Amino acid sequence: VPAPDAWMAALSRIPLLHQPGDGWLYNTCSDILGVLVARVADRPLPAYLAERLFEPLGMTDTGFAVAPTAL
């Protein structure tokens, strides 16, 4: 998997399908948002979300991947 800087740079080179305001495509942009949150928090997104969201809500089985020991 490419590093976030690499795929965000590649994403910036993709031409627009529409001029701003002329059309839209549904996309939550969660990958880009995740990179931005991690940069602002100055730590990996999973660690930030665990501390700020999952642990306070008691979400003990929530994460981004299944641990190899749980497969």
PDB file of N, CA and C in Angstrom:
ATOM      1  N   VAL A   1       0.855  -1.178   0.000  1.00  0.00           N
ATOM      2  CA  VAL A   1       0.000   0.000   0.000  1.00  0.00           C
ATOM      3  C   VAL A   1       0.897   1.236   0.000  1.00  0.00           C
ATOM      4  N   PRO A   2       0.670   2.146  -0.931  1.00  0.00           N
ATOM      5  CA  PRO A   2       1.494   3.365  -0.974  1.00  0.00           C
ATOM      6  C   PRO A   2       1.295   4.227   0.277  1.00  0.00           C
ATOM      7  N   ALA A   3       2.306   4.975   0.610  1.00  0.00           N
ATOM      8  CA  ALA A   3       2.218   5.908   1.735  1.00  0.00           C
ATOM      9  C   ALA A   3       1.217   7.014   1.402  1.00  0.00           C
ATOM     10  N   PRO A   4       0.562   7.590   2.421  1.00  0.00           N
ATOM     11  CA  PRO A   4      -0.425   8.640   2.158  1.00  0.00           C
ATOM     12  C   PRO A   4       0.095   9.783   1.294  1.00  0.00           C
ATOM     13  N   ASP A   5       1.335  10.222   1.514  1.00  0.00           N
ATOM     14  CA  ASP A   5       1.867  11.316   0.692  1.00  0.00           C
ATOM     15  C   ASP A   5       1.899  10.928  -0.779  1.00  0.00           C
ATOM     16  N   ALA A   6       2.217   9.671  -1.068  1.00  0.00           N
ATOM     17  CA  ALA A   6       2.306   9.218  -2.458  1.00  0.00           C
ATOM     18  C   ALA A   6       0.937   9.177  -3.118  1.00  0.00           C
ATOM     19  N   TRP A   7      -0.064   8.570  -2.447  1.00  0.00           N
ATOM     20  CA  TRP A   7      -1.359   8.485  -3.119  1.00  0.00           C
ATOM     21  C   TRP A   7      -2.100   9.809  -3.130  1.00  0.00           C
ATOM     22  N   MET A   8      -1.848  10.679  -2.152  1.00  0.00           N
ATOM     23  CA  MET A   8      -2.479  11.996  -2.217  1.00  0.00           C
ATOM     24  C   MET A   8      -1.857  12.829  -3.336  1.00  0.00           C
ATOM     25  N   ALA A   9      -0.556  12.683  -3.572  1.00  0.00           N
ATOM     26  CA  ALA A   9       0.085  13.379  -4.696  1.00  0.00           C
ATOM     27  C   ALA A   9      -0.469  12.859  -6.017  1.00  0.00           C
ATOM     28  N   ALA A  10      -0.638  11.546  -6.120  1.00  0.00           N
ATOM     29  CA  ALA A  10      -1.208  10.968  -7.343  1.00  0.00           C
ATOM     30  C   ALA A  10      -2.645  11.446  -7.537  1.00  0.00           C
ATOM     31  N   LEU A  11      -3.404  11.508  -6.471  1.00  0.00           N
ATOM     32  CA  LEU A  11      -4.786  11.980  -6.537  1.00  0.00           C
ATOM     33  C   LEU A  11      -4.855  13.418  -7.040  1.00  0.00           C
ATOM     34  N   SER A  12      -3.902  14.235  -6.639  1.00  0.00           N
ATOM     35  CA  SER A  12      -3.914  15.642  -7.054  1.00  0.00           C
ATOM     36  C   SER A  12      -3.638  15.816  -8.549  1.00  0.00           C
ATOM     37  N   ARG A  13      -3.086  14.790  -9.191  1.00  0.00           N
ATOM     38  CA  ARG A  13      -2.795  14.878 -10.628  1.00  0.00           C
ATOM     39  C   ARG A  13      -3.939  14.376 -11.507  1.00  0.00           C
ATOM     40  N   ILE A  14      -4.982  13.829 -10.914  1.00  0.00           N
ATOM     41  CA  ILE A  14      -6.119  13.340 -11.694  1.00  0.00           C
ATOM     42  C   ILE A  14      -6.948  14.541 -12.140  1.00  0.00           C
ATOM     43  N   PRO A  15      -7.238  14.633 -13.438  1.00  0.00           N
ATOM     44  CA  PRO A  15      -8.022  15.779 -13.902  1.00  0.00           C
ATOM     45  C   PRO A  15      -9.455  15.752 -13.356  1.00  0.00           C
ATOM     46  N   LEU A  16     -10.010  16.922 -13.182  1.00  0.00           N
ATOM     47  CA  LEU A  16     -11.394  17.034 -12.737  1.00  0.00           C
ATOM     48  C   LEU A  16     -12.335  16.523 -13.820  1.00  0.00           C
ATOM     49  N   LEU A  17     -13.400  15.824 -13.412  1.00  0.00           N
ATOM     50  CA  LEU A  17     -14.427  15.402 -14.365  1.00  0.00           C
ATOM     51  C   LEU A  17     -15.377  16.544 -14.689  1.00  0.00           C
ATOM     52  N   HIS A  18     -15.553  17.449 -13.726  1.00  0.00           N
ATOM     53  CA  HIS A  18     -16.449  18.599 -13.879  1.00  0.00           C
ATOM     54  C   HIS A  18     -15.757  19.822 -13.288  1.00  0.00           C
ATOM     55  N   GLN A  19     -16.107  20.960 -13.746  1.00  0.00           N
ATOM     56  CA  GLN A  19     -15.661  22.183 -13.102  1.00  0.00           C
ATOM     57  C   GLN A  19     -16.408  22.314 -11.772  1.00  0.00           C
ATOM     58  N   PRO A  20     -15.788  22.911 -10.774  1.00  0.00           N
ATOM     59  CA  PRO A  20     -16.469  23.064  -9.491  1.00  0.00           C
ATOM     60  C   PRO A  20     -17.839  23.713  -9.659  1.00  0.00           C
ATOM     61  N   GLY A  21     -18.841  23.075  -9.075  1.00  0.00           N
ATOM     62  CA  GLY A  21     -20.209  23.566  -9.152  1.00  0.00           C
ATOM     63  C   GLY A  21     -21.004  23.044 -10.331  1.00  0.00           C
ATOM     64  N   ASP A  22     -20.350  22.394 -11.308  1.00  0.00           N
ATOM     65  CA  ASP A  22     -21.057  21.894 -12.493  1.00  0.00           C
ATOM     66  C   ASP A  22     -21.544  20.459 -12.353  1.00  0.00           C
ATOM     67  N   GLY A  23     -21.027  19.699 -11.436  1.00  0.00           N
ATOM     68  CA  GLY A  23     -21.433  18.311 -11.248  1.00  0.00           C
ATOM     69  C   GLY A  23     -20.815  17.762  -9.978  1.00  0.00           C
ATOM     70  N   TRP A  24     -21.224  16.556  -9.618  1.00  0.00           N
ATOM     71  CA  TRP A  24     -20.680  15.953  -8.418  1.00  0.00           C
ATOM     72  C   TRP A  24     -20.764  14.441  -8.521  1.00  0.00           C
ATOM     73  N   LEU A  25     -19.951  13.784  -7.728  1.00  0.00           N
ATOM     74  CA  LEU A  25     -19.980  12.338  -7.579  1.00  0.00           C
ATOM     75  C   LEU A  25     -19.998  12.048  -6.087  1.00  0.00           C
ATOM     76  N   TYR A  26     -20.774  11.071  -5.682  1.00  0.00           N
ATOM     77  CA  TYR A  26     -20.845  10.733  -4.264  1.00  0.00           C
ATOM     78  C   TYR A  26     -19.539  10.109  -3.807  1.00  0.00           C
ATOM     79  N   ASN A  27     -18.971  10.634  -2.744  1.00  0.00           N
ATOM     80  CA  ASN A  27     -17.772  10.082  -2.143  1.00  0.00           C
ATOM     81  C   ASN A  27     -17.610  10.735  -0.781  1.00  0.00           C
ATOM     82  N   THR A  28     -17.383   9.927   0.225  1.00  0.00           N
ATOM     83  CA  THR A  28     -17.232  10.487   1.570  1.00  0.00           C
ATOM     84  C   THR A  28     -15.831  11.009   1.834  1.00  0.00           C
ATOM     85  N   CYS A  29     -14.882  10.688   0.969  1.00  0.00           N
ATOM     86  CA  CYS A  29     -13.486  11.131   1.109  1.00  0.00           C
ATOM     87  C   CYS A  29     -12.908  10.758   2.467  1.00  0.00           C
ATOM     88  N   SER A  30     -13.335   9.624   3.007  1.00  0.00           N
ATOM     89  CA  SER A  30     -12.873   9.231   4.339  1.00  0.00           C
ATOM     90  C   SER A  30     -11.376   8.942   4.378  1.00  0.00           C
ATOM     91  N   ASP A  31     -10.793   8.484   3.273  1.00  0.00           N
ATOM     92  CA  ASP A  31      -9.344   8.251   3.261  1.00  0.00           C
ATOM     93  C   ASP A  31      -8.579   9.559   3.421  1.00  0.00           C
ATOM     94  N   ILE A  32      -9.002  10.574   2.694  1.00  0.00           N
ATOM     95  CA  ILE A  32      -8.346  11.883   2.790  1.00  0.00           C
ATOM     96  C   ILE A  32      -8.570  12.480   4.179  1.00  0.00           C
ATOM     97  N   LEU A  33      -9.782  12.370   4.673  1.00  0.00           N
ATOM     98  CA  LEU A  33     -10.081  12.879   6.011  1.00  0.00           C
ATOM     99  C   LEU A  33      -9.224  12.180   7.063  1.00  0.00           C
ATOM    100  N   GLY A  34      -9.034  10.875   6.913  1.00  0.00           N
ATOM    101  CA  GLY A  34      -8.195  10.131   7.850  1.00  0.00           C
ATOM    102  C   GLY A  34      -6.761  10.629   7.866  1.00  0.00           C
ATOM    103  N   VAL A  35      -6.215  10.920   6.692  1.00  0.00           N
ATOM    104  CA  VAL A  35      -4.851  11.456   6.611  1.00  0.00           C
ATOM    105  C   VAL A  35      -4.793  12.826   7.292  1.00  0.00           C
ATOM    106  N   LEU A  36      -5.771  13.666   7.042  1.00  0.00           N
ATOM    107  CA  LEU A  36      -5.776  15.001   7.645  1.00  0.00           C
ATOM    108  C   LEU A  36      -5.890  14.937   9.163  1.00  0.00           C
ATOM    109  N   VAL A  37      -6.781  14.080   9.672  1.00  0.00           N
ATOM    110  CA  VAL A  37      -6.930  13.942  11.124  1.00  0.00           C
ATOM    111  C   VAL A  37      -5.627  13.447  11.747  1.00  0.00           C
ATOM    112  N   ALA A  38      -5.005  12.454  11.129  1.00  0.00           N
ATOM    113  CA  ALA A  38      -3.743  11.919  11.654  1.00  0.00           C
ATOM    114  C   ALA A  38      -2.653  12.988  11.677  1.00  0.00           C
ATOM    115  N   ARG A  39      -2.609  13.815  10.652  1.00  0.00           N
ATOM    116  CA  ARG A  39      -1.588  14.868  10.616  1.00  0.00           C
ATOM    117  C   ARG A  39      -1.832  15.925  11.682  1.00  0.00           C
ATOM    118  N   VAL A  40      -3.080  16.326  11.856  1.00  0.00           N
ATOM    119  CA  VAL A  40      -3.402  17.332  12.872  1.00  0.00           C
ATOM    120  C   VAL A  40      -3.172  16.761  14.274  1.00  0.00           C
ATOM    121  N   ALA A  41      -3.538  15.494  14.477  1.00  0.00           N
ATOM    122  CA  ALA A  41      -3.365  14.853  15.782  1.00  0.00           C
ATOM    123  C   ALA A  41      -1.914  14.463  16.040  1.00  0.00           C
ATOM    124  N   ASP A  42      -1.103  14.465  14.997  1.00  0.00           N
ATOM    125  CA  ASP A  42       0.315  14.102  15.076  1.00  0.00           C
ATOM    126  C   ASP A  42       0.519  12.676  15.590  1.00  0.00           C
ATOM    127  N   ARG A  43      -0.355  11.779  15.131  1.00  0.00           N
ATOM    128  CA  ARG A  43      -0.217  10.351  15.441  1.00  0.00           C
ATOM    129  C   ARG A  43      -1.104   9.538  14.518  1.00  0.00           C
ATOM    130  N   PRO A  44      -0.930   8.230  14.486  1.00  0.00           N
ATOM    131  CA  PRO A  44      -1.717   7.408  13.569  1.00  0.00           C
ATOM    132  C   PRO A  44      -3.222   7.505  13.856  1.00  0.00           C
ATOM    133  N   LEU A  45      -4.012   7.472  12.814  1.00  0.00           N
ATOM    134  CA  LEU A  45      -5.466   7.581  12.961  1.00  0.00           C
ATOM    135  C   LEU A  45      -6.038   6.512  13.891  1.00  0.00           C
ATOM    136  N   PRO A  46      -5.656   5.236  13.768  1.00  0.00           N
ATOM    137  CA  PRO A  46      -6.230   4.240  14.685  1.00  0.00           C
ATOM    138  C   PRO A  46      -5.967   4.562  16.160  1.00  0.00           C
ATOM    139  N   ALA A  47      -4.781   5.046  16.481  1.00  0.00           N
ATOM    140  CA  ALA A  47      -4.463   5.399  17.869  1.00  0.00           C
ATOM    141  C   ALA A  47      -5.303   6.585  18.334  1.00  0.00           C
ATOM    142  N   TYR A  48      -5.449   7.574  17.472  1.00  0.00           N
ATOM    143  CA  TYR A  48      -6.246   8.754  17.821  1.00  0.00           C
ATOM    144  C   TYR A  48      -7.709   8.378  18.051  1.00  0.00           C
ATOM    145  N   LEU A  49      -8.279   7.598  17.132  1.00  0.00           N
ATOM    146  CA  LEU A  49      -9.684   7.214  17.270  1.00  0.00           C
ATOM    147  C   LEU A  49      -9.907   6.305  18.472  1.00  0.00           C
ATOM    148  N   ALA A  50      -8.952   5.429  18.753  1.00  0.00           N
ATOM    149  CA  ALA A  50      -9.090   4.559  19.925  1.00  0.00           C
ATOM    150  C   ALA A  50      -9.191   5.391  21.199  1.00  0.00           C
ATOM    151  N   GLU A  51      -8.296   6.367  21.334  1.00  0.00           N
ATOM    152  CA  GLU A  51      -8.287   7.179  22.553  1.00  0.00           C
ATOM    153  C   GLU A  51      -9.488   8.115  22.642  1.00  0.00           C
ATOM    154  N   ARG A  52      -9.826   8.752  21.533  1.00  0.00           N
ATOM    155  CA  ARG A  52     -10.845   9.807  21.564  1.00  0.00           C
ATOM    156  C   ARG A  52     -12.271   9.321  21.322  1.00  0.00           C
ATOM    157  N   LEU A  53     -12.432   8.145  20.731  1.00  0.00           N
ATOM    158  CA  LEU A  53     -13.775   7.700  20.359  1.00  0.00           C
ATOM    159  C   LEU A  53     -14.088   6.303  20.878  1.00  0.00           C
ATOM    160  N   PHE A  54     -13.297   5.320  20.456  1.00  0.00           N
ATOM    161  CA  PHE A  54     -13.635   3.932  20.761  1.00  0.00           C
ATOM    162  C   PHE A  54     -13.582   3.625  22.257  1.00  0.00           C
ATOM    163  N   GLU A  55     -12.495   3.974  22.929  1.00  0.00           N
ATOM    164  CA  GLU A  55     -12.363   3.672  24.358  1.00  0.00           C
ATOM    165  C   GLU A  55     -13.393   4.414  25.211  1.00  0.00           C
ATOM    166  N   PRO A  56     -13.624   5.725  25.000  1.00  0.00           N
ATOM    167  CA  PRO A  56     -14.648   6.403  25.804  1.00  0.00           C
ATOM    168  C   PRO A  56     -16.049   5.815  25.623  1.00  0.00           C
ATOM    169  N   LEU A  57     -16.324   5.243  24.457  1.00  0.00           N
ATOM    170  CA  LEU A  57     -17.639   4.653  24.204  1.00  0.00           C
ATOM    171  C   LEU A  57     -17.699   3.169  24.566  1.00  0.00           C
ATOM    172  N   GLY A  58     -16.598   2.624  25.071  1.00  0.00           N
ATOM    173  CA  GLY A  58     -16.573   1.217  25.440  1.00  0.00           C
ATOM    174  C   GLY A  58     -16.575   0.269  24.253  1.00  0.00           C
ATOM    175  N   MET A  59     -16.095   0.738  23.116  1.00  0.00           N
ATOM    176  CA  MET A  59     -16.086  -0.064  21.887  1.00  0.00           C
ATOM    177  C   MET A  59     -14.804  -0.901  21.856  1.00  0.00           C
ATOM    178  N   THR A  60     -14.801  -2.016  22.571  1.00  0.00           N
ATOM    179  CA  THR A  60     -13.590  -2.814  22.735  1.00  0.00           C
ATOM    180  C   THR A  60     -13.264  -3.682  21.528  1.00  0.00           C
ATOM    181  N   ASP A  61     -14.216  -3.939  20.660  1.00  0.00           N
ATOM    182  CA  ASP A  61     -13.981  -4.790  19.485  1.00  0.00           C
ATOM    183  C   ASP A  61     -13.958  -3.995  18.190  1.00  0.00           C
ATOM    184  N   THR A  62     -13.704  -2.711  18.258  1.00  0.00           N
ATOM    185  CA  THR A  62     -13.701  -1.850  17.079  1.00  0.00           C
ATOM    186  C   THR A  62     -12.269  -1.557  16.666  1.00  0.00           C
ATOM    187  N   GLY A  63     -12.016  -1.611  15.358  1.00  0.00           N
ATOM    188  CA  GLY A  63     -10.677  -1.325  14.872  1.00  0.00           C
ATOM    189  C   GLY A  63     -10.658  -1.237  13.361  1.00  0.00           C
ATOM    190  N   PHE A  64      -9.459  -1.266  12.792  1.00  0.00           N
ATOM    191  CA  PHE A  64      -9.296  -1.096  11.359  1.00  0.00           C
ATOM    192  C   PHE A  64      -8.936  -2.379  10.636  1.00  0.00           C
ATOM    193  N   ALA A  65      -8.557  -3.403  11.388  1.00  0.00           N
ATOM    194  CA  ALA A  65      -8.191  -4.683  10.783  1.00  0.00           C
ATOM    195  C   ALA A  65      -8.364  -5.775  11.831  1.00  0.00           C
ATOM    196  N   VAL A  66      -8.504  -6.988  11.354  1.00  0.00           N
ATOM    197  CA  VAL A  66      -8.601  -8.120  12.263  1.00  0.00           C
ATOM    198  C   VAL A  66      -7.181  -8.568  12.604  1.00  0.00           C
ATOM    199  N   ALA A  67      -6.907  -8.693  13.871  1.00  0.00           N
ATOM    200  CA  ALA A  67      -5.580  -9.146  14.304  1.00  0.00           C
ATOM    201  C   ALA A  67      -5.327 -10.567  13.809  1.00  0.00           C
ATOM    202  N   PRO A  68      -4.106 -10.876  13.395  1.00  0.00           N
ATOM    203  CA  PRO A  68      -3.806 -12.228  12.903  1.00  0.00           C
ATOM    204  C   PRO A  68      -4.190 -13.322  13.897  1.00  0.00           C
ATOM    205  N   THR A  69      -4.089 -13.026  15.188  1.00  0.00           N
ATOM    206  CA  THR A  69      -4.444 -14.023  16.199  1.00  0.00           C
ATOM    207  C   THR A  69      -5.944 -14.269  16.282  1.00  0.00           C
ATOM    208  N   ALA A  70      -6.743 -13.360  15.718  1.00  0.00           N
ATOM    209  CA  ALA A  70      -8.198 -13.500  15.758  1.00  0.00           C
ATOM    210  C   ALA A  70      -8.770 -14.139  14.501  1.00  0.00           C
ATOM    211  N   LEU A  71      -7.921 -14.435  13.538  1.00  0.00           N
ATOM    212  CA  LEU A  71      -8.405 -15.041  12.293  1.00  0.00           C
ATOM    213  C   LEU A  71      -8.675 -16.514  12.459  1.00  0.00           C
TER     214      LEU A  71
END
